[in-house]
Every structure is written in structure tokens, then in C-alpha cells.
PDB file of N, CA and C in Angstrom:
ATOM      1  N   MET A   1       1.247  -1.004   0.084  1.00  0.00           N
ATOM      2  CA  MET A   1      -0.499  -0.121   0.320  1.00  0.00           C
ATOM      3  C   MET A   1       0.951   1.032   0.044  1.00  0.00           C
ATOM      4  N   ILE A   2       0.212   2.985  -0.446  1.00  0.00           N
ATOM      5  CA  ILE A   2       1.346   3.237  -0.671  1.00  0.00           C
ATOM      6  C   ILE A   2       1.280   3.930   0.488  1.00  0.00           C
ATOM      7  N   LYS A   3       1.740   5.858   1.576  1.00  0.00           N
ATOM      8  CA  LYS A   3       1.460   6.029   2.131  1.00  0.00           C
ATOM      9  C   LYS A   3       0.419   7.025   2.470  1.00  0.00           C
ATOM     10  N   GLU A   4       0.470   6.838   1.202  1.00  0.00           N
ATOM     11  CA  GLU A   4      -0.401   8.144   1.566  1.00  0.00           C
ATOM     12  C   GLU A   4      -1.713   7.245   1.827  1.00  0.00           C
ATOM     13  N   GLU A   5      -2.447   6.588   1.276  1.00  0.00           N
ATOM     14  CA  GLU A   5      -3.194   5.605   1.283  1.00  0.00           C
ATOM     15  C   GLU A   5      -3.519   4.543   2.962  1.00  0.00           C
ATOM     16  N   ILE A   6      -2.909   4.450   3.368  1.00  0.00           N
ATOM     17  CA  ILE A   6      -2.008   3.567   5.208  1.00  0.00           C
ATOM     18  C   ILE A   6      -2.860   5.464   5.402  1.00  0.00           C
ATOM     19  N   ALA A   7      -1.717   6.550   5.638  1.00  0.00           N
ATOM     20  CA  ALA A   7      -1.913   7.274   7.078  1.00  0.00           C
ATOM     21  C   ALA A   7      -3.225   7.719   6.701  1.00  0.00           C
ATOM     22  N   ARG A   8      -4.150   8.313   5.627  1.00  0.00           N
ATOM     23  CA  ARG A   8      -5.470   8.859   5.294  1.00  0.00           C
ATOM     24  C   ARG A   8      -5.820   6.836   6.224  1.00  0.00           C
ATOM     25  N   LEU A   9      -6.406   6.394   6.101  1.00  0.00           N
ATOM     26  CA  LEU A   9      -7.053   4.890   6.388  1.00  0.00           C
ATOM     27  C   LEU A   9      -7.047   5.383   8.286  1.00  0.00           C
ATOM     28  N   LEU A  10      -5.412   5.196   8.653  1.00  0.00           N
ATOM     29  CA  LEU A  10      -4.773   5.295   9.558  1.00  0.00           C
ATOM     30  C   LEU A  10      -5.897   7.191  11.076  1.00  0.00           C
ATOM     31  N   GLU A  11      -5.185   7.521   9.851  1.00  0.00           N
ATOM     32  CA  GLU A  11      -6.185   8.944  10.570  1.00  0.00           C
ATOM     33  C   GLU A  11      -7.245   9.382  10.444  1.00  0.00           C
ATOM     34  N   ASP A  12      -8.200   9.046   9.369  1.00  0.00           N
ATOM     35  CA  ASP A  12      -9.195   9.157   9.332  1.00  0.00           C
ATOM     36  C   ASP A  12     -10.410   7.611  10.728  1.00  0.00           C
ATOM     37  N   THR A  13      -9.842   6.996  10.803  1.00  0.00           N
ATOM     38  CA  THR A  13      -9.951   5.795  11.415  1.00  0.00           C
ATOM     39  C   THR A  13     -10.035   5.838  13.437  1.00  0.00           C
ATOM     40  N   TYR A  14      -8.207   6.336  13.604  1.00  0.00           N
ATOM     41  CA  TYR A  14      -8.074   7.086  14.835  1.00  0.00           C
ATOM     42  C   TYR A  14      -8.841   8.541  15.441  1.00  0.00           C
ATOM     43  N   SER A  15      -9.563   9.694  14.367  1.00  0.00           N
ATOM     44  CA  SER A  15      -9.164  10.787  14.772  1.00  0.00           C
ATOM     45  C   SER A  15     -10.635  10.041  15.344  1.00  0.00           C
ATOM     46  N   ILE A  16     -11.544   8.915  14.936  1.00  0.00           N
ATOM     47  CA  ILE A  16     -12.474   9.244  15.239  1.00  0.00           C
ATOM     48  C   ILE A  16     -12.998   8.615  16.964  1.00  0.00           C
ATOM     49  N   GLY A  17     -11.489   7.978  17.112  1.00  0.00           N
ATOM     50  CA  GLY A  17     -11.137   8.138  18.864  1.00  0.00           C
ATOM     51  C   GLY A  17     -12.082   6.811  19.175  1.00  0.00           C
ATOM     52  N   ASP A  18     -12.582   6.345  17.933  1.00  0.00           N
ATOM     53  CA  ASP A  18     -14.309   5.096  18.020  1.00  0.00           C
ATOM     54  C   ASP A  18     -12.697   2.779  18.111  1.00  0.00           C
ATOM     55  N   HIS A  19     -11.330   3.862  18.009  1.00  0.00           N
ATOM     56  CA  HIS A  19     -10.383   2.371  17.677  1.00  0.00           C
ATOM     57  C   HIS A  19     -10.053   1.744  19.670  1.00  0.00           C
ATOM     58  N   ALA A  20     -10.972   2.390  20.210  1.00  0.00           N
ATOM     59  CA  ALA A  20      -9.923   1.218  21.388  1.00  0.00           C
ATOM     60  C   ALA A  20     -10.450   0.188  21.250  1.00  0.00           C
ATOM     61  N   PRO A  21     -11.528  -0.018  21.420  1.00  0.00           N
ATOM     62  CA  PRO A  21     -12.311  -1.646  21.383  1.00  0.00           C
ATOM     63  C   PRO A  21     -11.160  -2.649  20.708  1.00  0.00           C
ATOM     64  N   SER A  22     -10.897  -2.025  19.256  1.00  0.00           N
ATOM     65  CA  SER A  22     -11.039  -2.728  18.107  1.00  0.00           C
ATOM     66  C   SER A  22      -9.421  -3.179  18.152  1.00  0.00           C
ATOM     67  N   VAL A  23      -9.487  -4.622  17.603  1.00  0.00           N
ATOM     68  CA  VAL A  23      -8.214  -4.210  17.209  1.00  0.00           C
ATOM     69  C   VAL A  23      -7.673  -4.800  15.479  1.00  0.00           C
ATOM     70  N   THR A  24      -6.423  -4.025  15.321  1.00  0.00           N
ATOM     71  CA  THR A  24      -6.062  -3.888  13.815  1.00  0.00           C
ATOM     72  C   THR A  24      -5.774  -4.899  12.818  1.00  0.00           C
ATOM     73  N   ARG A  25      -5.822  -5.933  12.290  1.00  0.00           N
ATOM     74  CA  ARG A  25      -5.197  -6.794  11.252  1.00  0.00           C
ATOM     75  C   ARG A  25      -3.895  -6.214   9.989  1.00  0.00           C
ATOM     76  N   VAL A  26      -3.342  -6.864  10.698  1.00  0.00           N
ATOM     77  CA  VAL A  26      -2.321  -5.936   8.990  1.00  0.00           C
ATOM     78  C   VAL A  26      -1.680  -7.257   7.884  1.00  0.00           C
ATOM     79  N   MET A  27      -2.914  -7.668   6.612  1.00  0.00           N
ATOM     80  CA  MET A  27      -2.092  -8.273   5.693  1.00  0.00           C
ATOM     81  C   MET A  27      -1.087  -7.559   5.352  1.00  0.00           C
ATOM     82  N   CYS A  28       0.011  -8.710   5.787  1.00  0.00           N
ATOM     83  CA  CYS A  28       1.490  -8.603   4.091  1.00  0.00           C
ATOM     84  C   CYS A  28       1.275  -9.435   2.669  1.00  0.00           C
ATOM     85  N   LYS A  29       2.510  -9.588   2.234  1.00  0.00           N
ATOM     86  CA  LYS A  29       2.798 -10.286   1.327  1.00  0.00           C
ATOM     87  C   LYS A  29       2.612 -11.363   1.152  1.00  0.00           C
ATOM     88  N   ASP A  30       4.220 -12.000   2.647  1.00  0.00           N
ATOM     89  CA  ASP A  30       4.546 -13.089   2.985  1.00  0.00           C
ATOM     90  C   ASP A  30       3.490 -13.480   3.355  1.00  0.00           C
ATOM     91  N   ASP A  31       1.550 -13.824   3.365  1.00  0.00           N
ATOM     92  CA  ASP A  31       1.227 -14.576   4.247  1.00  0.00           C
ATOM     93  C   ASP A  31       1.353 -14.634   5.848  1.00  0.00           C
ATOM     94  N   VAL A  32       1.816 -13.208   6.221  1.00  0.00           N
ATOM     95  CA  VAL A  32       1.514 -12.668   7.781  1.00  0.00           C
ATOM     96  C   VAL A  32       1.004 -12.098   8.017  1.00  0.00           C
ATOM     97  N   ASN A  33       0.476 -11.704   8.621  1.00  0.00           N
ATOM     98  CA  ASN A  33      -0.578 -11.755   9.969  1.00  0.00           C
ATOM     99  C   ASN A  33      -0.439 -10.819  10.282  1.00  0.00           C
ATOM    100  N   PHE A  34       0.209  -9.764  11.508  1.00  0.00           N
ATOM    101  CA  PHE A  34      -0.034  -9.025  12.421  1.00  0.00           C
ATOM    102  C   PHE A  34      -1.545  -8.298  12.698  1.00  0.00           C
ATOM    103  N   TYR A  35      -1.586  -8.435  14.934  1.00  0.00           N
ATOM    104  CA  TYR A  35      -3.167  -7.886  15.457  1.00  0.00           C
ATOM    105  C   TYR A  35      -2.575  -7.244  16.137  1.00  0.00           C
ATOM    106  N   GLY A  36      -2.943  -6.087  16.375  1.00  0.00           N
ATOM    107  CA  GLY A  36      -2.470  -5.349  17.408  1.00  0.00           C
ATOM    108  C   GLY A  36      -3.165  -3.810  17.565  1.00  0.00           C
ATOM    109  N   TYR A  37      -2.032  -2.742  17.541  1.00  0.00           N
ATOM    110  CA  TYR A  37      -2.718  -1.271  17.794  1.00  0.00           C
ATOM    111  C   TYR A  37      -2.025  -0.885  16.838  1.00  0.00           C
ATOM    112  N   PHE A  38      -1.628   0.615  16.009  1.00  0.00           N
ATOM    113  CA  PHE A  38      -1.164   1.190  15.573  1.00  0.00           C
ATOM    114  C   PHE A  38      -1.361   2.424  16.644  1.00  0.00           C
ATOM    115  N   ASN A  39      -0.032   3.382  16.367  1.00  0.00           N
ATOM    116  CA  ASN A  39       0.306   4.307  17.433  1.00  0.00           C
ATOM    117  C   ASN A  39       1.303   5.262  16.902  1.00  0.00           C
ATOM    118  N   SER A  40       0.438   6.123  17.402  1.00  0.00           N
ATOM    119  CA  SER A  40       1.991   7.570  16.937  1.00  0.00           C
ATOM    120  C   SER A  40       2.331   8.303  17.428  1.00  0.00           C
ATOM    121  N   PHE A  41       3.916   8.072  17.708  1.00  0.00           N
ATOM    122  CA  PHE A  41       5.470   8.108  18.475  1.00  0.00           C
ATOM    123  C   PHE A  41       5.471   9.613  18.173  1.00  0.00           C
ATOM    124  N   SER A  42       7.002  10.050  18.178  1.00  0.00           N
ATOM    125  CA  SER A  42       7.390  11.181  17.819  1.00  0.00           C
ATOM    126  C   SER A  42       8.112  10.846  16.309  1.00  0.00           C
ATOM    127  N   ASP A  43       7.968  10.090  16.000  1.00  0.00           N
ATOM    128  CA  ASP A  43       8.524   9.993  15.099  1.00  0.00           C
ATOM    129  C   ASP A  43       7.403  10.011  13.511  1.00  0.00           C
ATOM    130  N   TYR A  44       5.992   9.706  14.477  1.00  0.00           N
ATOM    131  CA  TYR A  44       5.230   9.807  12.753  1.00  0.00           C
ATOM    132  C   TYR A  44       5.194  10.310  11.698  1.00  0.00           C
ATOM    133  N   THR A  45       5.781  10.658  11.355  1.00  0.00           N
ATOM    134  CA  THR A  45       5.666  11.751  10.162  1.00  0.00           C
ATOM    135  C   THR A  45       7.320  11.870   9.225  1.00  0.00           C
ATOM    136  N   ASP A  46       8.185  10.882  10.375  1.00  0.00           N
ATOM    137  CA  ASP A  46       9.826  10.748   9.837  1.00  0.00           C
ATOM    138  C   ASP A  46       9.111   9.775   9.265  1.00  0.00           C
ATOM    139  N   LEU A  47       7.939   8.820   9.710  1.00  0.00           N
ATOM    140  CA  LEU A  47       8.337   6.910   9.331  1.00  0.00           C
ATOM    141  C   LEU A  47       7.434   7.222   8.437  1.00  0.00           C
ATOM    142  N   LYS A  48       6.223   8.230   8.183  1.00  0.00           N
ATOM    143  CA  LYS A  48       5.076   8.494   7.342  1.00  0.00           C
ATOM    144  C   LYS A  48       6.089   8.651   5.822  1.00  0.00           C
ATOM    145  N   GLU A  49       7.203   9.803   5.649  1.00  0.00           N
ATOM    146  CA  GLU A  49       7.906   9.501   5.260  1.00  0.00           C
ATOM    147  C   GLU A  49       8.365   8.706   4.368  1.00  0.00           C
ATOM    148  N   LYS A  50       8.600   7.985   5.036  1.00  0.00           N
ATOM    149  CA  LYS A  50       9.046   6.667   4.461  1.00  0.00           C
ATOM    150  C   LYS A  50       8.381   5.146   4.019  1.00  0.00           C
ATOM    151  N   ASN A  51       7.617   5.366   4.640  1.00  0.00           N
ATOM    152  CA  ASN A  51       5.812   4.332   3.989  1.00  0.00           C
ATOM    153  C   ASN A  51       6.267   3.417   5.488  1.00  0.00           C
ATOM    154  N   GLN A  52       7.140   4.235   6.265  1.00  0.00           N
ATOM    155  CA  GLN A  52       6.824   2.788   7.649  1.00  0.00           C
ATOM    156  C   GLN A  52       5.374   3.171   8.942  1.00  0.00           C
ATOM    157  N   PHE A  53       5.941   2.897   9.079  1.00  0.00           N
ATOM    158  CA  PHE A  53       4.579   2.642  10.865  1.00  0.00           C
ATOM    159  C   PHE A  53       4.356   1.992  11.667  1.00  0.00           C
ATOM    160  N   ARG A  54       4.225   2.240  13.207  1.00  0.00           N
ATOM    161  CA  ARG A  54       4.813   2.167  13.970  1.00  0.00           C
ATOM    162  C   ARG A  54       3.624   1.246  14.397  1.00  0.00           C
ATOM    163  N   PHE A  55       3.217   0.146  15.071  1.00  0.00           N
ATOM    164  CA  PHE A  55       2.326  -0.529  15.274  1.00  0.00           C
ATOM    165  C   PHE A  55       3.401  -1.562  16.453  1.00  0.00           C
ATOM    166  N   ILE A  56       1.567  -1.512  17.402  1.00  0.00           N
ATOM    167  CA  ILE A  56       2.050  -2.559  18.631  1.00  0.00           C
ATOM    168  C   ILE A  56       1.750  -3.253  18.416  1.00  0.00           C
ATOM    169  N   PRO A  57       2.211  -4.641  18.472  1.00  0.00           N
ATOM    170  CA  PRO A  57       1.125  -6.545  18.373  1.00  0.00           C
ATOM    171  C   PRO A  57       0.478  -6.346  19.658  1.00  0.00           C
ATOM    172  N   ARG A  58      -0.777  -6.726  19.917  1.00  0.00           N
ATOM    173  CA  ARG A  58      -1.227  -7.690  20.734  1.00  0.00           C
ATOM    174  C   ARG A  58      -0.635  -7.939  21.695  1.00  0.00           C
ATOM    175  N   ASN A  59       0.294  -8.582  21.938  1.00  0.00           N
ATOM    176  CA  ASN A  59       0.973  -9.352  22.603  1.00  0.00           C
ATOM    177  C   ASN A  59       1.457  -8.645  23.357  1.00  0.00           C
ATOM    178  N   ASN A  60       2.284  -7.704  23.137  1.00  0.00           N
ATOM    179  CA  ASN A  60       2.891  -6.368  23.412  1.00  0.00           C
ATOM    180  C   ASN A  60       2.381  -5.281  24.516  1.00  0.00           C
ATOM    181  N   LEU A  61       0.771  -5.293  23.849  1.00  0.00           N
ATOM    182  CA  LEU A  61       0.067  -4.258  25.082  1.00  0.00           C
ATOM    183  C   LEU A  61      -0.412  -3.578  26.013  1.00  0.00           C
ATOM    184  N   LYS A  62       0.020  -5.105  27.287  1.00  0.00           N
ATOM    185  CA  LYS A  62       0.019  -4.757  28.418  1.00  0.00           C
ATOM    186  C   LYS A  62       0.598  -4.508  28.983  1.00  0.00           C
ATOM    187  N   ALA A  63       2.238  -4.635  28.875  1.00  0.00           N
ATOM    188  CA  ALA A  63       3.381  -3.370  29.244  1.00  0.00           C
ATOM    189  C   ALA A  63       3.014  -2.500  29.043  1.00  0.00           C
ATOM    190  N   PHE A  64       2.900  -2.279  27.533  1.00  0.00           N
ATOM    191  CA  PHE A  64       3.084  -0.993  26.766  1.00  0.00           C
ATOM    192  C   PHE A  64       2.409  -0.267  27.826  1.00  0.00           C
ATOM    193  N   LYS A  65       1.170  -0.646  27.627  1.00  0.00           N
ATOM    194  CA  LYS A  65       0.525   0.233  28.785  1.00  0.00           C
ATOM    195  C   LYS A  65       1.037   0.715  30.175  1.00  0.00           C
ATOM    196  N   GLU A  66       0.922  -0.373  31.053  1.00  0.00           N
ATOM    197  CA  GLU A  66       1.081  -0.924  32.101  1.00  0.00           C
ATOM    198  C   GLU A  66       2.935   0.892  32.642  1.00  0.00           C
ATOM    199  N   GLU A  67       3.218   0.476  31.276  1.00  0.00           N
ATOM    200  CA  GLU A  67       4.871   1.448  31.565  1.00  0.00           C
ATOM    201  C   GLU A  67       4.372   2.944  30.827  1.00  0.00           C
ATOM    202  N   PHE A  68       2.825   2.715  30.690  1.00  0.00           N
ATOM    203  CA  PHE A  68       2.380   4.818  30.002  1.00  0.00           C
ATOM    204  C   PHE A  68       1.628   4.731  31.721  1.00  0.00           C
ATOM    205  N   THR A  69       0.918   3.894  32.300  1.00  0.00           N
ATOM    206  CA  THR A  69       0.679   4.555  32.726  1.00  0.00           C
ATOM    207  C   THR A  69       1.723   4.715  33.829  1.00  0.00           C
ATOM    208  N   LYS A  70       2.904   4.388  34.137  1.00  0.00           N
ATOM    209  CA  LYS A  70       3.476   4.126  34.924  1.00  0.00           C
ATOM    210  C   LYS A  70       4.458   5.608  34.670  1.00  0.00           C
ATOM    211  N   LYS A  71       5.633   5.258  33.427  1.00  0.00           N
ATOM    212  CA  LYS A  71       5.746   7.144  33.315  1.00  0.00           C
ATOM    213  C   LYS A  71       5.243   7.954  32.021  1.00  0.00           C
ATOM    214  N   GLY A  72       3.956   7.640  32.324  1.00  0.00           N
ATOM    215  CA  GLY A  72       3.418   8.990  31.342  1.00  0.00           C
ATOM    216  C   GLY A  72       4.462   9.132  29.928  1.00  0.00           C
ATOM    217  N   SER A  73       4.420   8.690  30.062  1.00  0.00           N
ATOM    218  CA  SER A  73       5.381   8.471  28.474  1.00  0.00           C
ATOM    219  C   SER A  73       5.103   7.109  27.299  1.00  0.00           C
ATOM    220  N   TYR A  74       5.479   7.136  25.384  1.00  0.00           N
ATOM    221  CA  TYR A  74       4.790   5.900  25.358  1.00  0.00           C
ATOM    222  C   TYR A  74       6.432   4.996  25.480  1.00  0.00           C
ATOM    223  N   ASN A  75       6.824   4.001  25.435  1.00  0.00           N
ATOM    224  CA  ASN A  75       7.937   3.834  24.960  1.00  0.00           C
ATOM    225  C   ASN A  75       7.599   3.136  23.932  1.00  0.00           C
ATOM    226  N   SER A  76       8.666   2.788  22.395  1.00  0.00           N
ATOM    227  CA  SER A  76       8.278   2.681  21.451  1.00  0.00           C
ATOM    228  C   SER A  76       9.454   1.129  21.424  1.00  0.00           C
ATOM    229  N   THR A  77      10.359   0.015  22.464  1.00  0.00           N
ATOM    230  CA  THR A  77       9.919  -0.763  22.888  1.00  0.00           C
ATOM    231  C   THR A  77       9.657  -1.996  22.166  1.00  0.00           C
ATOM    232  N   TYR A  78       7.917  -2.106  22.732  1.00  0.00           N
ATOM    233  CA  TYR A  78       7.561  -2.097  22.840  1.00  0.00           C
ATOM    234  C   TYR A  78       6.527  -2.629  21.494  1.00  0.00           C
ATOM    235  N   SER A  79       7.010  -1.426  20.019  1.00  0.00           N
ATOM    236  CA  SER A  79       6.805  -2.046  18.771  1.00  0.00           C
ATOM    237  C   SER A  79       6.989  -1.914  17.883  1.00  0.00           C
ATOM    238  N   ILE A  80       6.811  -2.136  16.976  1.00  0.00           N
ATOM    239  CA  ILE A  80       7.752  -2.758  15.488  1.00  0.00           C
ATOM    240  C   ILE A  80       7.101  -1.524  14.677  1.00  0.00           C
ATOM    241  N   ILE A  81       8.002  -1.886  13.628  1.00  0.00           N
ATOM    242  CA  ILE A  81       8.097  -0.789  12.224  1.00  0.00           C
ATOM    243  C   ILE A  81       7.737  -1.956  11.380  1.00  0.00           C
ATOM    244  N   LEU A  82       6.415  -1.504  10.979  1.00  0.00           N
ATOM    245  CA  LEU A  82       6.492  -2.074   9.088  1.00  0.00           C
ATOM    246  C   LEU A  82       6.150  -1.304   7.949  1.00  0.00           C
ATOM    247  N   ASN A  83       6.647  -1.472   7.560  1.00  0.00           N
ATOM    248  CA  ASN A  83       6.816  -1.518   6.059  1.00  0.00           C
ATOM    249  C   ASN A  83       5.756  -1.499   5.334  1.00  0.00           C
ATOM    250  N   GLY A  84       5.199   0.491   4.949  1.00  0.00           N
ATOM    251  CA  GLY A  84       3.978  -0.127   3.971  1.00  0.00           C
ATOM    252  C   GLY A  84       3.710  -0.926   2.608  1.00  0.00           C
ATOM    253  N   ASP A  85       4.728  -0.433   1.704  1.00  0.00           N
ATOM    254  CA  ASP A  85       5.163  -1.865   0.922  1.00  0.00           C
ATOM    255  C   ASP A  85       4.871  -2.690   1.329  1.00  0.00           C
ATOM    256  N   ASP A  86       5.217  -3.941   2.472  1.00  0.00           N
ATOM    257  CA  ASP A  86       4.639  -5.518   2.332  1.00  0.00           C
ATOM    258  C   ASP A  86       3.669  -5.372   3.039  1.00  0.00           C
ATOM    259  N   ILE A  87       2.077  -3.621   3.003  1.00  0.00           N
ATOM    260  CA  ILE A  87       1.390  -4.610   3.124  1.00  0.00           C
ATOM    261  C   ILE A  87       0.518  -4.564   2.383  1.00  0.00           C
ATOM    262  N   ILE A  88      -0.170  -5.599   2.534  1.00  0.00           N
ATOM    263  CA  ILE A  88      -1.865  -5.918   1.836  1.00  0.00           C
ATOM    264  C   ILE A  88      -2.704  -5.244   1.927  1.00  0.00           C
ATOM    265  N   ASP A  89      -3.773  -4.786   2.945  1.00  0.00           N
ATOM    266  CA  ASP A  89      -4.427  -4.334   2.935  1.00  0.00           C
ATOM    267  C   ASP A  89      -4.849  -4.012   4.959  1.00  0.00           C
ATOM    268  N   ILE A  90      -5.159  -3.239   5.686  1.00  0.00           N
ATOM    269  CA  ILE A  90      -5.676  -2.982   6.954  1.00  0.00           C
ATOM    270  C   ILE A  90      -6.973  -3.174   7.454  1.00  0.00           C
ATOM    271  N   GLU A  91      -7.311  -4.143   8.227  1.00  0.00           N
ATOM    272  CA  GLU A  91      -8.654  -4.035   9.086  1.00  0.00           C
ATOM    273  C   GLU A  91      -8.969  -3.366   9.894  1.00  0.00           C
ATOM    274  N   PHE A  92      -9.921  -3.370  10.525  1.00  0.00           N
ATOM    275  CA  PHE A  92      -9.932  -2.639  12.293  1.00  0.00           C
ATOM    276  C   PHE A  92     -10.979  -3.609  12.631  1.00  0.00           C
ATOM    277  N   VAL A  93     -10.820  -4.737  12.914  1.00  0.00           N
ATOM    278  CA  VAL A  93     -11.356  -5.960  13.848  1.00  0.00           C
ATOM    279  C   VAL A  93     -12.265  -5.619  14.889  1.00  0.00           C
ATOM    280  N   MET A  94     -13.237  -6.503  15.743  1.00  0.00           N
ATOM    281  CA  MET A  94     -13.056  -6.473  17.080  1.00  0.00           C
ATOM    282  C   MET A  94     -12.733  -8.162  17.285  1.00  0.00           C
ATOM    283  N   PRO A  95     -12.157  -7.365  18.888  1.00  0.00           N
ATOM    284  CA  PRO A  95     -11.211  -9.207  18.751  1.00  0.00           C
ATOM    285  C   PRO A  95     -11.958  -9.931  19.813  1.00  0.00           C
ATOM    286  N   LEU A  96     -12.425 -11.381  19.552  1.00  0.00           N
ATOM    287  CA  LEU A  96     -13.299 -12.204  19.829  1.00  0.00           C
ATOM    288  C   LEU A  96     -13.458 -12.447  21.267  1.00  0.00           C
ATOM    289  N   GLN A  97     -14.729 -12.312  21.682  1.00  0.00           N
ATOM    290  CA  GLN A  97     -15.386 -12.102  23.183  1.00  0.00           C
ATOM    291  C   GLN A  97     -15.783 -13.379  23.281  1.00  0.00           C
ATOM    292  N   LEU A  98     -15.178 -13.695  24.834  1.00  0.00           N
ATOM    293  CA  LEU A  98     -16.073 -15.096  25.023  1.00  0.00           C
ATOM    294  C   LEU A  98     -17.148 -14.702  26.313  1.00  0.00           C
ATOM    295  N   HIS A  99     -17.963 -15.806  25.679  1.00  0.00           N
ATOM    296  CA  HIS A  99     -18.828 -15.694  26.324  1.00  0.00           C
ATOM    297  C   HIS A  99     -19.859 -16.534  26.820  1.00  0.00           C
ATOM    298  N   ILE A 100     -20.031 -16.967  28.384  1.00  0.00           N
ATOM    299  CA  ILE A 100     -20.136 -17.321  29.868  1.00  0.00           C
ATOM    300  C   ILE A 100     -21.933 -17.216  29.550  1.00  0.00           C
TER     301      ILE A 100
END
């Protein structure tokens, strides 16, 4: 995907404020799917120019939130950088819910 396409999709979706309960699925050319959340760190603009975007994998979210609560700042070590050229599609999906 091109950077304008990804940026528009992310900025439109995340600006609504409705993204909190949803998980984002990123489908890549190498048949790998990533589940988690995009986040804007201070390097968002620089990365966007290179068609790269920070993504917090779902398994890192708890530690990411806990550290933010303690320190009041985002720690990029819990994120990965996805290359837009490798992305086929981005979907905002609801997480599976357990019904008891």
C-alpha cells in the first residue's frame, strides 16, 4: 500500500476515537498477519515519509499500557515498524469475546 493510503486510513479511523475496543489486522505480502494497534509516536511524520508505521503487537499491549501508566510516556520498544510496501490490507476488527 502507498503511504497516503495507509496514513488516510489510520488518521481517519483513529481520529474518530472509536478504535479503542478494536484490534487492527495487518495483512502482508509474505502471508503474515499482524494483530494489534497502530500508535503515533514522535517519529510518526518521519516514518510516514518512508512509508513505515509503528505498530504495537497485541501481545505487547499490556506491558505498553502499564509502562505508560507508570511513566506517562510511550515506550517504542513495545512496537515494531511495518513497511507499507509489504502491506496488502488493513482491517479494523473486533476482538473475539468469550460468552459465558
